[in-house]
Amino acid sequence: MQAGMPLVLCMALALLPPRLAQCLVLVDSTVVRINPIQDVAILEVQRKLVPPVLDCGVSAGDKYYVHGQSTQAQADATSISHGMVAATELDAHSHIRGDIVAGAGDSGGGCFSVDTGKLVAMVVGSDTRTNKAILVPSAVICSILSDLSATLGAAGAAT
C-alpha cells in the first residue's frame, strides 16, 4: 500500500456526508482486507475523499438515515431511508439492530445521526426473519481500522 493513500470502509458511495450528497463519484479501489466476522471490507482508494466524522456513542432510540441503494430498479443511484437504532447489545458478530427494512442495495450504506450528521453505523445486511437492518456500529469500525493501522505500521517498520 502506498503511503498517504486513505483507507475507507466498503460503503461504496454511501460514505459521503449529507453536505456532499450531490458530489457522488466513482473511484477506483483495491480490497486491502476483508473481515468476514463483521462482514466489512477495507478498501484503498486512488484519490482523496472526505471521510465522515465517526460517533462511537450510539444508543437505542437514536434516529439515523441510511444512504443506500435499496431502490435498485429505479434510475436513481442512491436512496435515503430513515430509521432508529432498535438495539445496541452486540451479537456474536459485533452487530446491532436497526428498525428499518434493509434491502440488498443498502448493504455497505452509512448510517448517519439525524441530530449530528456523524456516522454511527454501517448496514451489513438484514435479519432473515424480519428483514430489519443489521448494523456494524462505528465503535467496531474504529476498532477494525485501528487493528489494520497497527498491522500495516508493523509491516512497514519491518521493511
Protein backbone atom coordinates (compact mmCIF):
# COMPACT_ATOMS: atom_id res chain seq x y z
CA MET A 1 0.00 0.00 0.00
CA GLN A 2 1.31 3.45 -0.88
CA ALA A 3 1.98 5.91 1.92
CA GLY A 4 -0.63 8.63 2.21
CA MET A 5 -3.40 6.69 0.46
CA PRO A 6 -6.56 6.83 2.58
CA LEU A 7 -8.34 3.69 3.74
CA VAL A 8 -12.11 3.70 3.66
CA LEU A 9 -14.75 1.17 4.54
CA CYS A 10 -16.64 -0.65 1.88
CA MET A 11 -19.50 1.79 1.99
CA ALA A 12 -19.34 2.37 -1.74
CA LEU A 13 -20.74 5.82 -2.44
CA ALA A 14 -22.73 5.87 0.77
CA LEU A 15 -19.91 7.19 2.93
CA LEU A 16 -20.30 10.79 1.90
CA PRO A 17 -21.84 13.12 4.47
CA PRO A 18 -25.04 14.99 3.55
CA ARG A 19 -23.22 18.18 2.58
CA LEU A 20 -21.52 16.19 -0.18
CA ALA A 21 -24.56 14.20 -1.26
CA GLN A 22 -24.53 15.86 -4.68
CA CYS A 23 -20.85 15.03 -5.18
CA LEU A 24 -21.12 11.27 -5.59
CA VAL A 25 -18.29 9.96 -7.72
CA LEU A 26 -16.99 6.56 -8.68
CA VAL A 27 -13.45 5.85 -7.50
CA ASP A 28 -11.00 3.10 -8.27
CA SER A 29 -10.22 0.99 -5.24
CA THR A 30 -8.43 -2.13 -4.14
CA VAL A 31 -9.54 -4.51 -1.40
CA VAL A 32 -6.98 -4.32 1.42
CA ARG A 33 -8.65 -6.56 3.98
CA ILE A 34 -11.89 -8.47 4.45
CA ASN A 35 -13.29 -9.01 7.93
CA PRO A 36 -15.76 -11.88 7.48
CA ILE A 37 -16.93 -11.84 11.10
CA GLN A 38 -18.25 -8.28 10.97
CA ASP A 39 -18.91 -8.53 7.20
CA VAL A 40 -16.77 -5.49 6.43
CA ALA A 41 -14.22 -4.91 3.68
CA ILE A 42 -11.48 -2.28 3.84
CA LEU A 43 -10.66 -0.56 0.56
CA GLU A 44 -7.73 1.56 -0.55
CA VAL A 45 -8.93 4.31 -2.85
CA GLN A 46 -6.88 6.02 -5.52
CA ARG A 47 -7.97 9.58 -4.71
CA LYS A 48 -8.57 11.71 -1.65
CA LEU A 49 -12.06 11.50 -0.17
CA VAL A 50 -13.59 13.42 2.70
CA PRO A 51 -14.09 10.82 5.46
CA PRO A 52 -17.15 11.02 7.68
CA VAL A 53 -16.84 12.00 11.31
CA LEU A 54 -17.49 8.91 13.45
CA ASP A 55 -19.74 8.90 16.51
CA CYS A 56 -18.96 5.86 18.63
CA GLY A 57 -21.65 6.54 21.24
CA VAL A 58 -24.73 5.09 19.54
CA SER A 59 -27.73 4.41 21.81
CA ALA A 60 -31.01 2.57 21.40
CA GLY A 61 -33.58 5.04 20.12
CA ASP A 62 -31.07 7.20 18.23
CA LYS A 63 -32.50 8.29 14.89
CA TYR A 64 -30.41 7.87 11.76
CA TYR A 65 -30.65 7.95 8.00
CA VAL A 66 -29.07 5.43 5.65
CA HIS A 67 -27.54 6.20 2.28
CA GLY A 68 -28.05 3.06 0.24
CA GLN A 69 -29.40 1.71 -3.00
CA SER A 70 -32.48 -0.17 -1.90
CA THR A 71 -34.34 1.20 -4.91
CA GLN A 72 -32.23 -0.69 -7.43
CA ALA A 73 -35.00 -0.83 -10.04
CA GLN A 74 -35.13 2.96 -10.22
CA ALA A 75 -32.78 5.10 -12.25
CA ASP A 76 -31.66 6.97 -9.12
CA ALA A 77 -28.27 5.71 -7.96
CA THR A 78 -28.97 6.16 -4.26
CA SER A 79 -31.79 6.26 -1.75
CA ILE A 80 -32.11 7.59 1.76
CA SER A 81 -34.07 5.75 4.45
CA HIS A 82 -34.81 6.98 7.96
CA GLY A 83 -34.61 4.66 10.94
CA MET A 84 -33.92 4.28 14.61
CA VAL A 85 -31.41 2.14 16.49
CA ALA A 86 -33.51 -0.70 17.89
CA ALA A 87 -30.88 -2.50 19.99
CA THR A 88 -27.26 -1.77 20.88
CA GLU A 89 -26.32 -5.05 22.53
CA LEU A 90 -23.63 -6.58 20.32
CA ASP A 91 -24.40 -10.02 18.92
CA ALA A 92 -21.75 -12.70 18.29
CA HIS A 93 -20.60 -10.79 15.17
CA SER A 94 -20.44 -7.36 16.88
CA HIS A 95 -23.63 -6.24 15.13
CA ILE A 96 -26.51 -4.14 16.46
CA ARG A 97 -30.04 -3.77 15.08
CA GLY A 98 -31.94 -1.03 13.31
CA ASP A 99 -35.69 -0.75 12.84
CA ILE A 100 -35.82 -0.18 9.07
CA VAL A 101 -36.28 -2.81 6.40
CA ALA A 102 -32.93 -3.18 4.62
CA GLY A 103 -32.61 -4.37 1.04
CA ALA A 104 -29.60 -5.89 -0.72
CA GLY A 105 -28.57 -2.50 -2.09
CA ASP A 106 -28.39 -1.00 1.38
CA SER A 107 -25.51 -3.23 2.48
CA GLY A 108 -22.46 -1.03 2.98
CA GLY A 109 -24.58 2.09 3.43
CA GLY A 110 -23.56 4.56 6.09
CA CYS A 111 -25.98 5.30 8.96
CA PHE A 112 -25.71 8.98 9.86
CA SER A 113 -27.14 10.54 13.03
CA VAL A 114 -30.16 12.74 12.36
CA ASP A 115 -29.00 15.01 15.22
CA THR A 116 -25.28 15.36 14.43
CA GLY A 117 -24.73 14.11 10.87
CA LYS A 118 -21.95 11.85 12.17
CA LEU A 119 -21.53 8.24 11.07
CA VAL A 120 -22.96 5.97 13.79
CA ALA A 121 -23.03 2.63 11.95
CA MET A 122 -22.95 0.82 8.62
CA VAL A 123 -25.60 -1.54 7.22
CA VAL A 124 -24.22 -5.04 6.62
CA GLY A 125 -27.43 -6.93 5.93
CA SER A 126 -30.87 -7.72 7.22
CA ASP A 127 -32.38 -10.22 9.63
CA THR A 128 -33.70 -13.18 7.60
CA ARG A 129 -36.89 -13.33 9.69
CA THR A 130 -37.79 -9.64 9.91
CA ASN A 131 -35.76 -8.00 7.10
CA LYS A 132 -34.73 -5.35 9.66
CA ALA A 133 -31.30 -3.78 9.28
CA ILE A 134 -28.21 -5.38 10.81
CA LEU A 135 -25.61 -2.71 11.57
CA VAL A 136 -21.93 -2.52 12.47
CA PRO A 137 -21.59 0.35 14.98
CA SER A 138 -18.89 2.99 14.50
CA ALA A 139 -17.03 1.81 17.62
CA VAL A 140 -16.46 -1.55 15.90
CA ILE A 141 -15.46 0.23 12.67
CA CYS A 142 -12.87 2.25 14.65
CA SER A 143 -11.51 -0.97 16.16
CA ILE A 144 -11.20 -2.63 12.74
CA LEU A 145 -9.36 0.40 11.32
CA SER A 146 -7.10 0.63 14.38
CA ASP A 147 -6.16 -3.05 14.10
CA LEU A 148 -5.43 -2.62 10.40
CA SER A 149 -3.36 0.51 11.01
CA ALA A 150 -1.29 -1.32 13.65
CA THR A 151 -0.78 -4.27 11.30
CA LEU A 152 0.26 -2.04 8.40
CA GLY A 153 2.52 0.03 10.66
CA ALA A 154 4.26 -3.10 11.95
CA ALA A 155 4.69 -4.41 8.41
CA GLY A 156 6.16 -1.07 7.30
CA ALA A 157 8.57 -0.98 10.25
CA ALA A 158 9.81 -4.48 9.41
CA THR A 159 10.83 -3.49 5.88
